[in-house]
Amino acid sequence: MANLKNAKKRILVNERKNKVNSLYRASMKTAIKNTEKAILSGDAKTAKDALQVAIKRIDKAASKGVVTPNFVARKKSRLTKKVNEMK
């Protein structure tokens, strides 16, 4: 356990940031899963709408530093490719 005041504060701040980052990560993963479900169902319109939401959530997580730029590029590229192949 931390003894110094600033060490105790860092523990609290890190817990708070961990919760916020988890929310961004969970929201992003949910959007990705919704897009993949729409792709599997074969509905192009729903898949395209879900893709837009997923890209927005992925970019938001990236801007907050939750995920790396390579992860962002890979996920967006693969999802877009899957949606485009439906047509």
N, C-alpha and C. Protein backbone atom coordinates (compact mmCIF):
# COMPACT_ATOMS: atom_id res chain seq x y z
N MET A 1 0.84 -1.19 0.00
CA MET A 1 0.00 0.00 0.00
C MET A 1 0.88 1.24 0.00
N ALA A 2 0.42 2.26 -0.71
CA ALA A 2 1.18 3.50 -0.82
C ALA A 2 1.14 4.26 0.50
N ASN A 3 2.27 4.89 0.81
CA ASN A 3 2.38 5.69 2.02
C ASN A 3 2.36 7.18 1.74
N LEU A 4 2.92 7.58 0.61
CA LEU A 4 3.00 8.99 0.29
C LEU A 4 1.68 9.50 -0.29
N LYS A 5 1.43 10.79 -0.07
CA LYS A 5 0.18 11.39 -0.51
C LYS A 5 0.03 11.33 -2.02
N ASN A 6 1.12 11.64 -2.74
CA ASN A 6 1.01 11.64 -4.20
C ASN A 6 0.85 10.21 -4.75
N ALA A 7 1.40 9.22 -4.08
CA ALA A 7 1.23 7.84 -4.51
C ALA A 7 -0.22 7.39 -4.31
N LYS A 8 -0.84 7.82 -3.21
CA LYS A 8 -2.24 7.50 -2.96
C LYS A 8 -3.14 8.14 -4.02
N LYS A 9 -2.79 9.38 -4.38
CA LYS A 9 -3.56 10.09 -5.40
C LYS A 9 -3.43 9.39 -6.75
N ARG A 10 -2.22 8.96 -7.09
CA ARG A 10 -2.01 8.27 -8.37
C ARG A 10 -2.85 7.00 -8.46
N ILE A 11 -2.99 6.29 -7.34
CA ILE A 11 -3.82 5.09 -7.33
C ILE A 11 -5.25 5.44 -7.68
N LEU A 12 -5.78 6.51 -7.09
CA LEU A 12 -7.15 6.93 -7.36
C LEU A 12 -7.32 7.38 -8.81
N VAL A 13 -6.36 8.16 -9.30
CA VAL A 13 -6.44 8.66 -10.67
C VAL A 13 -6.36 7.51 -11.66
N ASN A 14 -5.47 6.55 -11.40
CA ASN A 14 -5.33 5.42 -12.30
C ASN A 14 -6.60 4.57 -12.34
N GLU A 15 -7.25 4.39 -11.21
CA GLU A 15 -8.51 3.64 -11.18
C GLU A 15 -9.58 4.35 -12.00
N ARG A 16 -9.66 5.67 -11.86
CA ARG A 16 -10.64 6.45 -12.59
C ARG A 16 -10.39 6.36 -14.10
N LYS A 17 -9.13 6.51 -14.49
CA LYS A 17 -8.79 6.43 -15.92
C LYS A 17 -9.04 5.03 -16.47
N ASN A 18 -8.80 4.01 -15.66
CA ASN A 18 -9.03 2.63 -16.08
C ASN A 18 -10.51 2.41 -16.39
N LYS A 19 -11.39 2.96 -15.56
CA LYS A 19 -12.83 2.83 -15.79
C LYS A 19 -13.25 3.52 -17.09
N VAL A 20 -12.74 4.73 -17.31
CA VAL A 20 -13.09 5.48 -18.51
C VAL A 20 -12.58 4.76 -19.75
N ASN A 21 -11.33 4.29 -19.70
CA ASN A 21 -10.76 3.58 -20.84
C ASN A 21 -11.53 2.30 -21.13
N SER A 22 -11.98 1.63 -20.07
CA SER A 22 -12.76 0.40 -20.25
C SER A 22 -14.08 0.68 -20.97
N LEU A 23 -14.68 1.82 -20.68
CA LEU A 23 -15.92 2.20 -21.35
C LEU A 23 -15.70 2.42 -22.84
N TYR A 24 -14.61 3.12 -23.18
CA TYR A 24 -14.31 3.34 -24.59
C TYR A 24 -14.04 2.02 -25.30
N ARG A 25 -13.26 1.15 -24.65
CA ARG A 25 -12.91 -0.14 -25.26
C ARG A 25 -14.15 -1.02 -25.44
N ALA A 26 -15.02 -1.06 -24.42
CA ALA A 26 -16.23 -1.88 -24.49
C ALA A 26 -17.17 -1.36 -25.57
N SER A 27 -17.33 -0.05 -25.66
CA SER A 27 -18.19 0.55 -26.67
C SER A 27 -17.68 0.23 -28.07
N MET A 28 -16.37 0.29 -28.25
CA MET A 28 -15.76 -0.01 -29.53
C MET A 28 -15.98 -1.48 -29.91
N LYS A 29 -15.76 -2.38 -28.96
CA LYS A 29 -15.91 -3.80 -29.23
C LYS A 29 -17.36 -4.15 -29.57
N THR A 30 -18.30 -3.53 -28.87
CA THR A 30 -19.72 -3.77 -29.14
C THR A 30 -20.08 -3.33 -30.55
N ALA A 31 -19.58 -2.16 -30.96
CA ALA A 31 -19.87 -1.66 -32.30
C ALA A 31 -19.28 -2.58 -33.36
N ILE A 32 -18.08 -3.10 -33.11
CA ILE A 32 -17.45 -4.02 -34.06
C ILE A 32 -18.27 -5.31 -34.16
N LYS A 33 -18.71 -5.83 -33.02
CA LYS A 33 -19.51 -7.05 -33.03
C LYS A 33 -20.84 -6.85 -33.74
N ASN A 34 -21.46 -5.69 -33.55
CA ASN A 34 -22.72 -5.40 -34.23
C ASN A 34 -22.53 -5.35 -35.74
N THR A 35 -21.40 -4.79 -36.18
CA THR A 35 -21.10 -4.75 -37.61
C THR A 35 -20.93 -6.16 -38.16
N GLU A 36 -20.20 -6.99 -37.44
CA GLU A 36 -19.97 -8.36 -37.89
C GLU A 36 -21.27 -9.17 -37.93
N LYS A 37 -22.16 -8.93 -36.97
CA LYS A 37 -23.46 -9.60 -36.98
C LYS A 37 -24.28 -9.18 -38.21
N ALA A 38 -24.24 -7.89 -38.52
CA ALA A 38 -24.97 -7.39 -39.68
C ALA A 38 -24.40 -7.98 -40.97
N ILE A 39 -23.10 -8.16 -41.02
CA ILE A 39 -22.46 -8.76 -42.19
C ILE A 39 -22.92 -10.20 -42.34
N LEU A 40 -22.95 -10.94 -41.25
CA LEU A 40 -23.37 -12.34 -41.30
C LEU A 40 -24.84 -12.49 -41.67
N SER A 41 -25.66 -11.52 -41.26
CA SER A 41 -27.08 -11.60 -41.58
C SER A 41 -27.33 -11.32 -43.06
N GLY A 42 -26.39 -10.63 -43.71
CA GLY A 42 -26.51 -10.38 -45.14
C GLY A 42 -27.25 -9.11 -45.49
N ASP A 43 -27.56 -8.28 -44.52
CA ASP A 43 -28.27 -7.03 -44.77
C ASP A 43 -27.24 -5.91 -45.01
N ALA A 44 -27.11 -5.49 -46.26
CA ALA A 44 -26.08 -4.52 -46.64
C ALA A 44 -26.33 -3.15 -46.00
N LYS A 45 -27.59 -2.72 -45.96
CA LYS A 45 -27.90 -1.39 -45.40
C LYS A 45 -27.55 -1.33 -43.92
N THR A 46 -27.97 -2.34 -43.17
CA THR A 46 -27.67 -2.39 -41.73
C THR A 46 -26.17 -2.48 -41.50
N ALA A 47 -25.49 -3.27 -42.33
CA ALA A 47 -24.04 -3.43 -42.19
C ALA A 47 -23.33 -2.11 -42.43
N LYS A 48 -23.79 -1.36 -43.43
CA LYS A 48 -23.16 -0.08 -43.74
C LYS A 48 -23.36 0.92 -42.60
N ASP A 49 -24.57 0.95 -42.04
CA ASP A 49 -24.85 1.84 -40.92
C ASP A 49 -24.02 1.44 -39.69
N ALA A 50 -23.95 0.13 -39.44
CA ALA A 50 -23.18 -0.35 -38.30
C ALA A 50 -21.69 -0.06 -38.48
N LEU A 51 -21.23 -0.12 -39.73
CA LEU A 51 -19.83 0.18 -40.01
C LEU A 51 -19.50 1.63 -39.66
N GLN A 52 -20.41 2.55 -40.01
CA GLN A 52 -20.18 3.96 -39.70
C GLN A 52 -20.07 4.18 -38.18
N VAL A 53 -20.93 3.51 -37.43
CA VAL A 53 -20.89 3.61 -35.96
C VAL A 53 -19.59 3.02 -35.43
N ALA A 54 -19.20 1.88 -35.98
CA ALA A 54 -17.98 1.21 -35.52
C ALA A 54 -16.75 2.07 -35.79
N ILE A 55 -16.67 2.67 -36.97
CA ILE A 55 -15.53 3.51 -37.30
C ILE A 55 -15.47 4.71 -36.37
N LYS A 56 -16.62 5.27 -36.07
CA LYS A 56 -16.67 6.42 -35.16
C LYS A 56 -16.17 6.03 -33.77
N ARG A 57 -16.62 4.88 -33.28
CA ARG A 57 -16.20 4.43 -31.95
C ARG A 57 -14.71 4.06 -31.92
N ILE A 58 -14.22 3.44 -32.99
CA ILE A 58 -12.81 3.08 -33.06
C ILE A 58 -11.94 4.34 -33.06
N ASP A 59 -12.34 5.34 -33.84
CA ASP A 59 -11.59 6.60 -33.89
C ASP A 59 -11.62 7.32 -32.54
N LYS A 60 -12.76 7.25 -31.87
CA LYS A 60 -12.88 7.89 -30.56
C LYS A 60 -11.93 7.24 -29.56
N ALA A 61 -11.88 5.90 -29.57
CA ALA A 61 -10.97 5.19 -28.67
C ALA A 61 -9.53 5.51 -29.00
N ALA A 62 -9.23 5.66 -30.28
CA ALA A 62 -7.86 5.99 -30.69
C ALA A 62 -7.48 7.39 -30.24
N SER A 63 -8.41 8.33 -30.34
CA SER A 63 -8.11 9.70 -29.95
C SER A 63 -7.87 9.82 -28.45
N LYS A 64 -8.45 8.91 -27.68
CA LYS A 64 -8.25 8.91 -26.23
C LYS A 64 -7.02 8.10 -25.82
N GLY A 65 -6.38 7.45 -26.79
CA GLY A 65 -5.17 6.68 -26.50
C GLY A 65 -5.43 5.30 -25.94
N VAL A 66 -6.64 4.78 -26.13
CA VAL A 66 -7.00 3.47 -25.59
C VAL A 66 -6.43 2.36 -26.47
N VAL A 67 -6.40 2.59 -27.78
CA VAL A 67 -5.89 1.59 -28.72
C VAL A 67 -4.79 2.22 -29.58
N THR A 68 -3.97 1.36 -30.17
CA THR A 68 -2.84 1.84 -30.97
C THR A 68 -3.28 2.18 -32.39
N PRO A 69 -2.53 3.03 -33.06
CA PRO A 69 -2.88 3.39 -34.45
C PRO A 69 -2.91 2.20 -35.40
N ASN A 70 -2.03 1.23 -35.21
CA ASN A 70 -2.03 0.05 -36.08
C ASN A 70 -3.30 -0.77 -35.89
N PHE A 71 -3.76 -0.89 -34.66
CA PHE A 71 -5.01 -1.60 -34.36
C PHE A 71 -6.17 -0.92 -35.08
N VAL A 72 -6.19 0.40 -35.01
CA VAL A 72 -7.26 1.18 -35.63
C VAL A 72 -7.28 0.95 -37.13
N ALA A 73 -6.12 1.06 -37.76
CA ALA A 73 -6.04 0.90 -39.21
C ALA A 73 -6.46 -0.50 -39.62
N ARG A 74 -6.01 -1.51 -38.88
CA ARG A 74 -6.32 -2.89 -39.21
C ARG A 74 -7.82 -3.17 -39.09
N LYS A 75 -8.43 -2.74 -37.98
CA LYS A 75 -9.85 -3.01 -37.77
C LYS A 75 -10.72 -2.30 -38.80
N LYS A 76 -10.43 -1.02 -39.04
CA LYS A 76 -11.23 -0.26 -40.00
C LYS A 76 -11.10 -0.86 -41.39
N SER A 77 -9.90 -1.24 -41.77
CA SER A 77 -9.66 -1.80 -43.09
C SER A 77 -10.41 -3.12 -43.26
N ARG A 78 -10.30 -3.99 -42.29
CA ARG A 78 -10.93 -5.31 -42.40
C ARG A 78 -12.45 -5.23 -42.40
N LEU A 79 -12.99 -4.37 -41.53
CA LEU A 79 -14.45 -4.23 -41.49
C LEU A 79 -14.98 -3.63 -42.79
N THR A 80 -14.31 -2.60 -43.28
CA THR A 80 -14.73 -1.96 -44.52
C THR A 80 -14.67 -2.95 -45.68
N LYS A 81 -13.61 -3.73 -45.72
CA LYS A 81 -13.45 -4.72 -46.79
C LYS A 81 -14.59 -5.74 -46.75
N LYS A 82 -14.97 -6.20 -45.55
CA LYS A 82 -16.04 -7.18 -45.42
C LYS A 82 -17.37 -6.58 -45.88
N VAL A 83 -17.64 -5.34 -45.51
CA VAL A 83 -18.90 -4.70 -45.90
C VAL A 83 -18.94 -4.48 -47.41
N ASN A 84 -17.82 -4.07 -47.99
CA ASN A 84 -17.79 -3.84 -49.43
C ASN A 84 -17.93 -5.14 -50.23
N GLU A 85 -17.47 -6.24 -49.68
CA GLU A 85 -17.59 -7.51 -50.38
C GLU A 85 -19.03 -8.03 -50.41
N MET A 86 -19.88 -7.49 -49.56
CA MET A 86 -21.27 -7.92 -49.52
C MET A 86 -22.01 -7.50 -50.79
N LYS A 87 -21.61 -6.41 -51.40
CA LYS A 87 -22.35 -5.84 -52.53
C LYS A 87 -22.13 -6.59 -53.81
